[in-house]
Amino acid sequence: MANELDELQGTINEQGRDVNVIEKQIPVKVGVGSTVFEIMLWVLGIIPGLIFLWRKIVARRELSQLQQKIQHSASQIDNYLEQRVQILQNVVGIVEKSVALDKEVMTSVAAFRSGVRPGDDNRNEVSGKLDQAMNSINVAFEAYPDLKAHRSLADAMQQNSYLQREITAAREVYNDTVLRWNQDIFHWPAKMIVAARAGYTTRIPFTASREVKEQARQKFF
């Protein structure tokens, strides 16, 4: 039998393919077969029924713990993003005295100063705006050699680079936990039945902003 995916004879896309995360939550559903399965366990005897009831209790506890872990991971990302906001404000305060920044950068900073905070509904958006603002500041930082001599600014830029690495690591942890959740809620029978009756859905992993993707396509050397 030939390989289904043949790297020697298969179709090749010479242009390559870009991928994006699909912003869609898939609900967990179980059919009549799952209900019949549970009934049959009780018909076979009280012990099989009790064993499966215990498995559902364990499954509900594990899914609840996983939800708390996702929240903890998301909170870590938010903390790092808020730290970047503080650094961004400090950097802008230094740079705007020396050079004229893009109005969009100032608008973003003004929004952060007014109390914009990351959350489940806008975490990606806040991260993307921070990336865009820091990119504009980096351009100014590179274009004006005098700015590099400013010790406070150099320290702030270094802190931003450190925080960006921490955010990347925190995103990996978050996405790994989301992946486990998305797999577990479809693990039949116990977890999937519990998830379906609780109305659980898949979760969307953290995604890179358009700004970051565009930077990744640029020439660095």
C-alpha atoms as a PDB file:
ATOM      1  CA  MET A   1       0.000   0.000   0.000  1.00  0.00           C
ATOM      2  CA  ALA A   2       1.376   3.430  -0.946  1.00  0.00           C
ATOM      3  CA  ASN A   3       1.781   6.231   1.580  1.00  0.00           C
ATOM      4  CA  GLU A   4      -1.290   8.487   1.798  1.00  0.00           C
ATOM      5  CA  LEU A   5       1.053  11.476   2.079  1.00  0.00           C
ATOM      6  CA  ASP A   6       3.932  10.955  -0.324  1.00  0.00           C
ATOM      7  CA  GLU A   7       6.577  13.669  -0.019  1.00  0.00           C
ATOM      8  CA  LEU A   8       8.121  12.546  -3.317  1.00  0.00           C
ATOM      9  CA  GLN A   9       5.026  12.233  -5.505  1.00  0.00           C
ATOM     10  CA  GLY A  10       2.496  14.417  -3.706  1.00  0.00           C
ATOM     11  CA  THR A  11       1.268  17.876  -4.697  1.00  0.00           C
ATOM     12  CA  ILE A  12       3.550  20.718  -3.597  1.00  0.00           C
ATOM     13  CA  ASN A  13       2.473  24.338  -3.066  1.00  0.00           C
ATOM     14  CA  GLU A  14       5.449  26.319  -4.325  1.00  0.00           C
ATOM     15  CA  GLN A  15       3.984  29.587  -3.027  1.00  0.00           C
ATOM     16  CA  GLY A  16       3.743  28.344   0.544  1.00  0.00           C
ATOM     17  CA  ARG A  17       0.757  28.815   2.815  1.00  0.00           C
ATOM     18  CA  ASP A  18       0.115  31.201   5.672  1.00  0.00           C
ATOM     19  CA  VAL A  19      -2.074  29.990   8.540  1.00  0.00           C
ATOM     20  CA  ASN A  20      -4.340  31.743  11.022  1.00  0.00           C
ATOM     21  CA  VAL A  21      -6.119  30.707  14.193  1.00  0.00           C
ATOM     22  CA  ILE A  22      -9.843  30.291  13.588  1.00  0.00           C
ATOM     23  CA  GLU A  23     -11.856  32.421  16.019  1.00  0.00           C
ATOM     24  CA  LYS A  24     -14.556  29.827  16.655  1.00  0.00           C
ATOM     25  CA  GLN A  25     -15.687  28.033  19.776  1.00  0.00           C
ATOM     26  CA  ILE A  26     -17.035  24.533  19.147  1.00  0.00           C
ATOM     27  CA  PRO A  27     -19.674  23.313  21.642  1.00  0.00           C
ATOM     28  CA  VAL A  28     -19.475  19.790  23.021  1.00  0.00           C
ATOM     29  CA  LYS A  29     -22.488  17.652  22.128  1.00  0.00           C
ATOM     30  CA  VAL A  30     -23.385  14.053  22.877  1.00  0.00           C
ATOM     31  CA  GLY A  31     -26.090  12.000  21.236  1.00  0.00           C
ATOM     32  CA  VAL A  32     -28.646   9.463  22.358  1.00  0.00           C
ATOM     33  CA  GLY A  33     -25.958   6.798  22.335  1.00  0.00           C
ATOM     34  CA  SER A  34     -24.282   8.320  25.381  1.00  0.00           C
ATOM     35  CA  THR A  35     -27.557   8.303  27.311  1.00  0.00           C
ATOM     36  CA  VAL A  36     -28.180   4.686  26.322  1.00  0.00           C
ATOM     37  CA  PHE A  37     -24.634   3.844  27.416  1.00  0.00           C
ATOM     38  CA  GLU A  38     -25.249   5.284  30.889  1.00  0.00           C
ATOM     39  CA  ILE A  39     -28.606   3.526  31.230  1.00  0.00           C
ATOM     40  CA  MET A  40     -27.075   0.199  30.211  1.00  0.00           C
ATOM     41  CA  LEU A  41     -24.430   0.524  32.920  1.00  0.00           C
ATOM     42  CA  TRP A  42     -27.149   0.810  35.564  1.00  0.00           C
ATOM     43  CA  VAL A  43     -29.079  -2.049  33.948  1.00  0.00           C
ATOM     44  CA  LEU A  44     -25.980  -4.239  34.209  1.00  0.00           C
ATOM     45  CA  GLY A  45     -25.846  -3.590  37.929  1.00  0.00           C
ATOM     46  CA  ILE A  46     -25.424  -0.946  40.567  1.00  0.00           C
ATOM     47  CA  ILE A  47     -21.643  -1.355  40.685  1.00  0.00           C
ATOM     48  CA  PRO A  48     -20.996  -0.441  37.002  1.00  0.00           C
ATOM     49  CA  GLY A  49     -23.376   2.500  37.397  1.00  0.00           C
ATOM     50  CA  LEU A  50     -21.635   3.742  40.546  1.00  0.00           C
ATOM     51  CA  ILE A  51     -18.202   3.323  38.987  1.00  0.00           C
ATOM     52  CA  PHE A  52     -19.165   5.481  36.013  1.00  0.00           C
ATOM     53  CA  LEU A  53     -20.842   8.015  38.313  1.00  0.00           C
ATOM     54  CA  TRP A  54     -17.539   8.297  40.185  1.00  0.00           C
ATOM     55  CA  ARG A  55     -15.680   8.728  36.895  1.00  0.00           C
ATOM     56  CA  LYS A  56     -17.976  11.618  35.995  1.00  0.00           C
ATOM     57  CA  ILE A  57     -17.343  13.235  39.373  1.00  0.00           C
ATOM     58  CA  VAL A  58     -13.588  12.925  38.799  1.00  0.00           C
ATOM     59  CA  ALA A  59     -13.962  14.254  35.257  1.00  0.00           C
ATOM     60  CA  ARG A  60     -15.937  17.283  36.482  1.00  0.00           C
ATOM     61  CA  ARG A  61     -13.252  17.988  39.091  1.00  0.00           C
ATOM     62  CA  GLU A  62     -10.433  17.686  36.565  1.00  0.00           C
ATOM     63  CA  LEU A  63     -12.153  19.993  34.076  1.00  0.00           C
ATOM     64  CA  SER A  64     -12.805  22.515  36.842  1.00  0.00           C
ATOM     65  CA  GLN A  65      -9.135  22.433  37.825  1.00  0.00           C
ATOM     66  CA  LEU A  66      -8.144  22.857  34.190  1.00  0.00           C
ATOM     67  CA  GLN A  67     -10.355  25.917  33.910  1.00  0.00           C
ATOM     68  CA  GLN A  68      -8.624  27.429  36.930  1.00  0.00           C
ATOM     69  CA  LYS A  69      -5.236  26.699  35.365  1.00  0.00           C
ATOM     70  CA  ILE A  70      -6.309  28.461  32.154  1.00  0.00           C
ATOM     71  CA  GLN A  71      -7.396  31.469  34.210  1.00  0.00           C
ATOM     72  CA  HIS A  72      -4.071  31.490  36.051  1.00  0.00           C
ATOM     73  CA  SER A  73      -2.120  31.324  32.781  1.00  0.00           C
ATOM     74  CA  ALA A  74      -4.220  34.127  31.283  1.00  0.00           C
ATOM     75  CA  SER A  75      -3.633  36.217  34.399  1.00  0.00           C
ATOM     76  CA  GLN A  76       0.127  35.842  34.000  1.00  0.00           C
ATOM     77  CA  ILE A  77      -0.085  37.142  30.424  1.00  0.00           C
ATOM     78  CA  ASP A  78      -2.205  40.071  31.610  1.00  0.00           C
ATOM     79  CA  ASN A  79       0.324  40.941  34.307  1.00  0.00           C
ATOM     80  CA  TYR A  80       3.146  41.058  31.778  1.00  0.00           C
ATOM     81  CA  LEU A  81       1.031  43.122  29.386  1.00  0.00           C
ATOM     82  CA  GLU A  82       0.266  45.639  32.123  1.00  0.00           C
ATOM     83  CA  GLN A  83       3.971  45.878  32.906  1.00  0.00           C
ATOM     84  CA  ARG A  84       4.606  46.608  29.214  1.00  0.00           C
ATOM     85  CA  VAL A  85       1.991  49.364  29.408  1.00  0.00           C
ATOM     86  CA  GLN A  86       3.882  50.972  32.278  1.00  0.00           C
ATOM     87  CA  ILE A  87       7.175  50.730  30.401  1.00  0.00           C
ATOM     88  CA  LEU A  88       5.523  52.108  27.259  1.00  0.00           C
ATOM     89  CA  GLN A  89       4.274  55.114  29.177  1.00  0.00           C
ATOM     90  CA  ASN A  90       7.747  55.769  30.600  1.00  0.00           C
ATOM     91  CA  VAL A  91       9.382  55.391  27.188  1.00  0.00           C
ATOM     92  CA  VAL A  92       6.916  57.733  25.497  1.00  0.00           C
ATOM     93  CA  GLY A  93       7.472  60.310  28.213  1.00  0.00           C
ATOM     94  CA  ILE A  94      11.171  60.328  27.364  1.00  0.00           C
ATOM     95  CA  VAL A  95      10.936  60.035  23.578  1.00  0.00           C
ATOM     96  CA  GLU A  96       8.201  62.622  22.983  1.00  0.00           C
ATOM     97  CA  LYS A  97      10.472  65.302  24.466  1.00  0.00           C
ATOM     98  CA  SER A  98      13.111  64.550  21.856  1.00  0.00           C
ATOM     99  CA  VAL A  99      11.281  63.533  18.687  1.00  0.00           C
ATOM    100  CA  ALA A 100       7.772  63.695  17.216  1.00  0.00           C
ATOM    101  CA  LEU A 101       5.996  60.362  17.540  1.00  0.00           C
ATOM    102  CA  ASP A 102       3.222  59.065  15.344  1.00  0.00           C
ATOM    103  CA  LYS A 103      -0.193  60.314  16.483  1.00  0.00           C
ATOM    104  CA  GLU A 104      -1.486  56.719  16.602  1.00  0.00           C
ATOM    105  CA  VAL A 105       1.168  55.869  19.169  1.00  0.00           C
ATOM    106  CA  MET A 106       0.075  58.750  21.370  1.00  0.00           C
ATOM    107  CA  THR A 107      -3.577  57.724  20.958  1.00  0.00           C
ATOM    108  CA  SER A 108      -2.763  54.175  22.073  1.00  0.00           C
ATOM    109  CA  VAL A 109      -0.802  55.402  25.071  1.00  0.00           C
ATOM    110  CA  ALA A 110      -3.624  57.755  26.022  1.00  0.00           C
ATOM    111  CA  ALA A 111      -6.027  54.799  25.941  1.00  0.00           C
ATOM    112  CA  PHE A 112      -3.763  52.759  28.209  1.00  0.00           C
ATOM    113  CA  ARG A 113      -3.454  55.694  30.601  1.00  0.00           C
ATOM    114  CA  SER A 114      -7.243  55.946  30.767  1.00  0.00           C
ATOM    115  CA  GLY A 115      -7.479  52.470  32.240  1.00  0.00           C
ATOM    116  CA  VAL A 116      -7.542  49.975  29.368  1.00  0.00           C
ATOM    117  CA  ARG A 117      -6.707  46.577  30.816  1.00  0.00           C
ATOM    118  CA  PRO A 118      -6.383  43.195  29.099  1.00  0.00           C
ATOM    119  CA  GLY A 119      -9.121  40.619  29.566  1.00  0.00           C
ATOM    120  CA  ASP A 120     -10.671  37.587  27.884  1.00  0.00           C
ATOM    121  CA  ASP A 121     -12.499  39.812  25.390  1.00  0.00           C
ATOM    122  CA  ASN A 122      -9.609  42.094  24.387  1.00  0.00           C
ATOM    123  CA  ARG A 123      -6.348  40.394  25.360  1.00  0.00           C
ATOM    124  CA  ASN A 124      -5.237  39.893  21.757  1.00  0.00           C
ATOM    125  CA  GLU A 125      -6.254  43.437  20.834  1.00  0.00           C
ATOM    126  CA  VAL A 126      -4.290  45.005  23.704  1.00  0.00           C
ATOM    127  CA  SER A 127      -1.250  42.898  22.877  1.00  0.00           C
ATOM    128  CA  GLY A 128      -1.433  43.911  19.223  1.00  0.00           C
ATOM    129  CA  LYS A 129      -1.679  47.624  20.032  1.00  0.00           C
ATOM    130  CA  LEU A 130       1.280  47.328  22.388  1.00  0.00           C
ATOM    131  CA  ASP A 131       3.310  45.627  19.662  1.00  0.00           C
ATOM    132  CA  GLN A 132       2.380  48.365  17.192  1.00  0.00           C
ATOM    133  CA  ALA A 133       3.255  51.171  19.603  1.00  0.00           C
ATOM    134  CA  MET A 134       6.574  49.608  20.595  1.00  0.00           C
ATOM    135  CA  ASN A 135       7.450  49.070  16.929  1.00  0.00           C
ATOM    136  CA  SER A 136       6.963  52.782  16.232  1.00  0.00           C
ATOM    137  CA  ILE A 137       9.115  53.652  19.228  1.00  0.00           C
ATOM    138  CA  ASN A 138      11.798  51.216  18.073  1.00  0.00           C
ATOM    139  CA  VAL A 139      11.888  53.010  14.706  1.00  0.00           C
ATOM    140  CA  ALA A 140      12.420  56.321  16.473  1.00  0.00           C
ATOM    141  CA  PHE A 141      14.977  54.747  18.778  1.00  0.00           C
ATOM    142  CA  GLU A 142      17.016  53.521  15.808  1.00  0.00           C
ATOM    143  CA  ALA A 143      16.621  56.730  13.806  1.00  0.00           C
ATOM    144  CA  TYR A 144      17.891  59.057  16.501  1.00  0.00           C
ATOM    145  CA  PRO A 145      21.326  58.070  17.861  1.00  0.00           C
ATOM    146  CA  ASP A 146      21.050  60.619  20.657  1.00  0.00           C
ATOM    147  CA  LEU A 147      18.194  58.633  22.167  1.00  0.00           C
ATOM    148  CA  LYS A 148      20.403  55.565  22.580  1.00  0.00           C
ATOM    149  CA  ALA A 149      22.636  57.569  24.900  1.00  0.00           C
ATOM    150  CA  HIS A 150      19.703  58.164  27.241  1.00  0.00           C
ATOM    151  CA  ARG A 151      20.289  55.701  30.060  1.00  0.00           C
ATOM    152  CA  SER A 152      16.684  55.529  31.287  1.00  0.00           C
ATOM    153  CA  LEU A 153      15.406  54.916  27.780  1.00  0.00           C
ATOM    154  CA  ALA A 154      17.960  52.193  27.101  1.00  0.00           C
ATOM    155  CA  ASP A 155      16.984  50.472  30.366  1.00  0.00           C
ATOM    156  CA  ALA A 156      13.289  50.709  29.490  1.00  0.00           C
ATOM    157  CA  MET A 157      13.856  49.208  26.040  1.00  0.00           C
ATOM    158  CA  GLN A 158      15.816  46.378  27.618  1.00  0.00           C
ATOM    159  CA  GLN A 159      13.004  45.756  30.094  1.00  0.00           C
ATOM    160  CA  ASN A 160      10.533  45.690  27.209  1.00  0.00           C
ATOM    161  CA  SER A 161      12.595  43.035  25.412  1.00  0.00           C
ATOM    162  CA  TYR A 162      12.696  40.956  28.595  1.00  0.00           C
ATOM    163  CA  LEU A 163       8.947  41.270  29.109  1.00  0.00           C
ATOM    164  CA  GLN A 164       8.271  40.316  25.503  1.00  0.00           C
ATOM    165  CA  ARG A 165      10.193  37.073  26.026  1.00  0.00           C
ATOM    166  CA  GLU A 166       8.227  36.428  29.218  1.00  0.00           C
ATOM    167  CA  ILE A 167       4.957  37.081  27.392  1.00  0.00           C
ATOM    168  CA  THR A 168       5.963  34.625  24.665  1.00  0.00           C
ATOM    169  CA  ALA A 169       6.729  31.960  27.286  1.00  0.00           C
ATOM    170  CA  ALA A 170       3.458  32.669  29.130  1.00  0.00           C
ATOM    171  CA  ARG A 171       1.532  32.364  25.856  1.00  0.00           C
ATOM    172  CA  GLU A 172       3.080  28.947  25.277  1.00  0.00           C
ATOM    173  CA  VAL A 173       1.916  27.796  28.720  1.00  0.00           C
ATOM    174  CA  TYR A 174      -1.550  29.243  28.092  1.00  0.00           C
ATOM    175  CA  ASN A 175      -1.856  27.645  24.644  1.00  0.00           C
ATOM    176  CA  ASP A 176      -0.658  24.271  25.970  1.00  0.00           C
ATOM    177  CA  THR A 177      -3.354  24.387  28.660  1.00  0.00           C
ATOM    178  CA  VAL A 178      -5.996  25.421  26.135  1.00  0.00           C
ATOM    179  CA  LEU A 179      -4.932  22.530  23.899  1.00  0.00           C
ATOM    180  CA  ARG A 180      -5.352  20.100  26.787  1.00  0.00           C
ATOM    181  CA  TRP A 181      -8.797  21.537  27.535  1.00  0.00           C
ATOM    182  CA  ASN A 182      -9.879  21.266  23.898  1.00  0.00           C
ATOM    183  CA  GLN A 183      -8.767  17.637  23.838  1.00  0.00           C
ATOM    184  CA  ASP A 184     -10.186  16.634  27.224  1.00  0.00           C
ATOM    185  CA  ILE A 185     -13.715  17.930  26.650  1.00  0.00           C
ATOM    186  CA  PHE A 186     -14.020  15.574  23.677  1.00  0.00           C
ATOM    187  CA  HIS A 187     -12.628  12.566  25.575  1.00  0.00           C
ATOM    188  CA  TRP A 188     -15.531  10.119  25.618  1.00  0.00           C
ATOM    189  CA  PRO A 189     -17.284   8.930  27.671  1.00  0.00           C
ATOM    190  CA  ALA A 190     -16.962  10.595  31.114  1.00  0.00           C
ATOM    191  CA  LYS A 191     -15.362  13.957  30.281  1.00  0.00           C
ATOM    192  CA  MET A 192     -17.292  14.471  27.069  1.00  0.00           C
ATOM    193  CA  ILE A 193     -20.640  13.722  28.737  1.00  0.00           C
ATOM    194  CA  VAL A 194     -19.831  16.065  31.629  1.00  0.00           C
ATOM    195  CA  ALA A 195     -18.627  18.790  29.253  1.00  0.00           C
ATOM    196  CA  ALA A 196     -21.716  18.512  27.038  1.00  0.00           C
ATOM    197  CA  ARG A 197     -24.142  18.750  29.943  1.00  0.00           C
ATOM    198  CA  ALA A 198     -22.226  21.691  31.393  1.00  0.00           C
ATOM    199  CA  GLY A 199     -22.378  23.509  28.035  1.00  0.00           C
ATOM    200  CA  TYR A 200     -18.608  23.698  27.642  1.00  0.00           C
ATOM    201  CA  THR A 201     -16.981  24.763  24.383  1.00  0.00           C
ATOM    202  CA  THR A 202     -13.489  24.738  22.972  1.00  0.00           C
ATOM    203  CA  ARG A 203     -11.270  27.704  23.823  1.00  0.00           C
ATOM    204  CA  ILE A 204      -9.349  29.885  21.373  1.00  0.00           C
ATOM    205  CA  PRO A 205      -5.559  29.956  21.824  1.00  0.00           C
ATOM    206  CA  PHE A 206      -3.555  33.154  21.993  1.00  0.00           C
ATOM    207  CA  THR A 207      -2.720  34.415  18.496  1.00  0.00           C
ATOM    208  CA  ALA A 208      -0.068  36.708  17.069  1.00  0.00           C
ATOM    209  CA  SER A 209      -1.221  40.179  16.070  1.00  0.00           C
ATOM    210  CA  ARG A 210      -1.183  41.344  12.460  1.00  0.00           C
ATOM    211  CA  GLU A 211       1.593  43.769  13.382  1.00  0.00           C
ATOM    212  CA  VAL A 212       3.834  40.943  14.597  1.00  0.00           C
ATOM    213  CA  LYS A 213       3.128  38.834  11.503  1.00  0.00           C
ATOM    214  CA  GLU A 214       4.010  41.717   9.222  1.00  0.00           C
ATOM    215  CA  GLN A 215       7.266  42.297  11.093  1.00  0.00           C
ATOM    216  CA  ALA A 216       8.135  38.596  10.784  1.00  0.00           C
ATOM    217  CA  ARG A 217       7.945  38.888   6.980  1.00  0.00           C
ATOM    218  CA  GLN A 218      10.346  41.815   6.841  1.00  0.00           C
ATOM    219  CA  LYS A 219      14.032  41.540   6.001  1.00  0.00           C
ATOM    220  CA  PHE A 220      16.239  41.829   9.067  1.00  0.00           C
ATOM    221  CA  PHE A 221      19.646  41.679   7.408  1.00  0.00           C
END
